[in-house]
Structures are given as structure tokens and as C-alpha cells.
Amino acid sequence: MSDNDGKILNLNIRNEYDKVKGSKAQAPNFSFQTSRVTYGGVDGTYYTSTRSRKTGSDGVVIEERKEADTTTGQATHRISRGIHDKAILLQGS
């Protein structure tokens, strides 16, 4: 039996196990929210902020925030992940 045959065999065993247990494959379900704030004047935009939040049906939350201020020359980008309201910062600058 080749490696490919073994992989297919394992997949079939798993499918049979799922049938016995009565589990059903479900498509992922999530909600997505996004908001953007921009301030500017006659000279153009000087501040912008974007926030995106994706919440899965399993309670996993991924949030991304970006801010940029041209008057100070500073920008931040943060990504956090958590379950329900308990978040962990994954990346920040």
C-alpha cells in the first residue's frame, strides 16, 4: 500500500467514525463588523481609524485596529484574538 492509499484509508475511517457518532459537518458561521473614522480639513485627511471585528459561532473573536495621524507622523496596527471578551494581543506596533 502506498502513502496515498494510506491517507485515503485514514480519511475514510474518519468519515465512518463521524457517521457512527452522528456528527455533521457544518459550514463556519461568523459575523463581521467594521467601522472607519476620518478627520480632515481643506488640506486633506489628517487622521484615520479603522476597526474590524470578526466573531465566530464558537466564540472566537479576531479584531484588527489601524490608526494613522499625519500631524504627528504616528501609525498603529494591532491584531488581537480571544474567546468572547477575553482578548490576547497578537501583533502591535
Protein backbone atom coordinates (compact mmCIF):
# COMPACT_ATOMS: atom_id res chain seq x y z
CA MET A 1 0.00 0.00 0.00
CA SER A 2 1.42 3.42 -0.96
CA ASP A 3 1.35 6.58 1.15
CA ASN A 4 -1.52 7.96 -0.89
CA ASP A 5 -3.56 4.83 -0.25
CA GLY A 6 -2.89 5.13 3.48
CA LYS A 7 -4.05 8.74 3.56
CA ILE A 8 -7.23 7.91 1.72
CA LEU A 9 -7.84 4.95 4.01
CA ASN A 10 -7.43 7.17 7.10
CA LEU A 11 -9.84 9.71 5.67
CA ASN A 12 -12.43 7.01 5.02
CA ILE A 13 -12.06 5.67 8.55
CA ARG A 14 -12.62 9.16 9.94
CA ASN A 15 -15.73 9.61 7.81
CA GLU A 16 -17.10 6.28 9.05
CA TYR A 17 -16.32 7.31 12.66
CA ASP A 18 -18.23 10.56 12.16
CA LYS A 19 -21.23 8.67 10.79
CA VAL A 20 -21.28 6.38 13.80
CA LYS A 21 -21.02 9.30 16.24
CA GLY A 22 -23.75 11.19 14.39
CA SER A 23 -21.69 14.33 13.89
CA LYS A 24 -22.50 16.59 10.99
CA ALA A 25 -20.13 18.77 9.00
CA GLN A 26 -21.18 22.38 9.39
CA ALA A 27 -20.18 25.42 7.42
CA PRO A 28 -18.42 28.04 9.54
CA ASN A 29 -20.73 30.75 10.80
CA PHE A 30 -19.46 34.21 11.76
CA SER A 31 -20.42 37.86 11.96
CA PHE A 32 -18.29 40.71 10.69
CA GLN A 33 -18.32 44.36 11.77
CA THR A 34 -16.20 47.21 10.50
CA SER A 35 -16.08 50.95 11.14
CA ARG A 36 -13.96 53.79 9.82
CA VAL A 37 -13.47 57.33 11.07
CA THR A 38 -11.70 60.02 9.06
CA TYR A 39 -10.97 63.60 10.07
CA GLY A 40 -9.71 66.21 7.67
CA GLY A 41 -9.84 69.75 6.52
CA VAL A 42 -9.06 71.86 3.49
CA ASP A 43 -5.54 70.41 3.43
CA GLY A 44 -6.86 66.82 3.25
CA THR A 45 -7.15 63.95 5.70
CA TYR A 46 -5.04 64.17 8.85
CA TYR A 47 -6.44 61.30 10.95
CA THR A 48 -7.98 57.96 10.07
CA SER A 49 -9.01 54.99 12.20
CA THR A 50 -10.34 51.60 11.09
CA ARG A 51 -11.66 48.80 13.29
CA SER A 52 -12.70 45.35 12.05
CA ARG A 53 -14.11 42.59 14.23
CA LYS A 54 -14.95 39.02 13.22
CA THR A 55 -16.84 36.80 15.69
CA GLY A 56 -17.26 33.08 15.05
CA SER A 57 -20.16 30.94 16.21
CA ASP A 58 -17.68 29.20 18.54
CA GLY A 59 -16.98 32.49 20.35
CA VAL A 60 -13.57 33.17 18.79
CA VAL A 61 -13.09 36.89 18.15
CA ILE A 62 -10.46 38.44 15.86
CA GLU A 63 -10.12 42.20 15.98
CA GLU A 64 -7.90 44.46 13.88
CA ARG A 65 -7.35 48.17 14.54
CA LYS A 66 -5.41 50.66 12.43
CA GLU A 67 -4.82 54.32 13.20
CA ALA A 68 -2.78 56.95 11.39
CA ASP A 69 -2.20 60.60 12.26
CA THR A 70 -0.32 62.67 9.71
CA THR A 71 0.05 65.63 12.09
CA THR A 72 2.24 63.54 14.44
CA GLY A 73 3.53 61.08 11.85
CA GLN A 74 2.44 58.13 14.01
CA ALA A 75 0.57 55.00 12.98
CA THR A 76 -0.50 51.87 14.85
CA HIS A 77 -1.72 48.47 13.73
CA ARG A 78 -2.99 45.96 16.28
CA ILE A 79 -4.41 42.48 15.84
CA SER A 80 -5.97 40.69 18.77
CA ARG A 81 -7.64 37.33 19.17
CA GLY A 82 -9.68 35.92 22.00
CA ILE A 83 -12.68 34.00 23.14
CA HIS A 84 -15.75 36.12 23.86
CA ASP A 85 -14.44 39.17 25.81
CA LYS A 86 -11.01 37.73 26.72
CA ALA A 87 -8.56 39.02 24.13
CA ILE A 88 -4.83 38.47 23.56
CA LEU A 89 -2.76 40.98 21.57
CA LEU A 90 -1.05 39.11 18.74
CA GLN A 91 0.80 41.91 17.00
CA GLY A 92 1.28 45.57 17.69
CA SER A 93 3.37 48.47 16.52
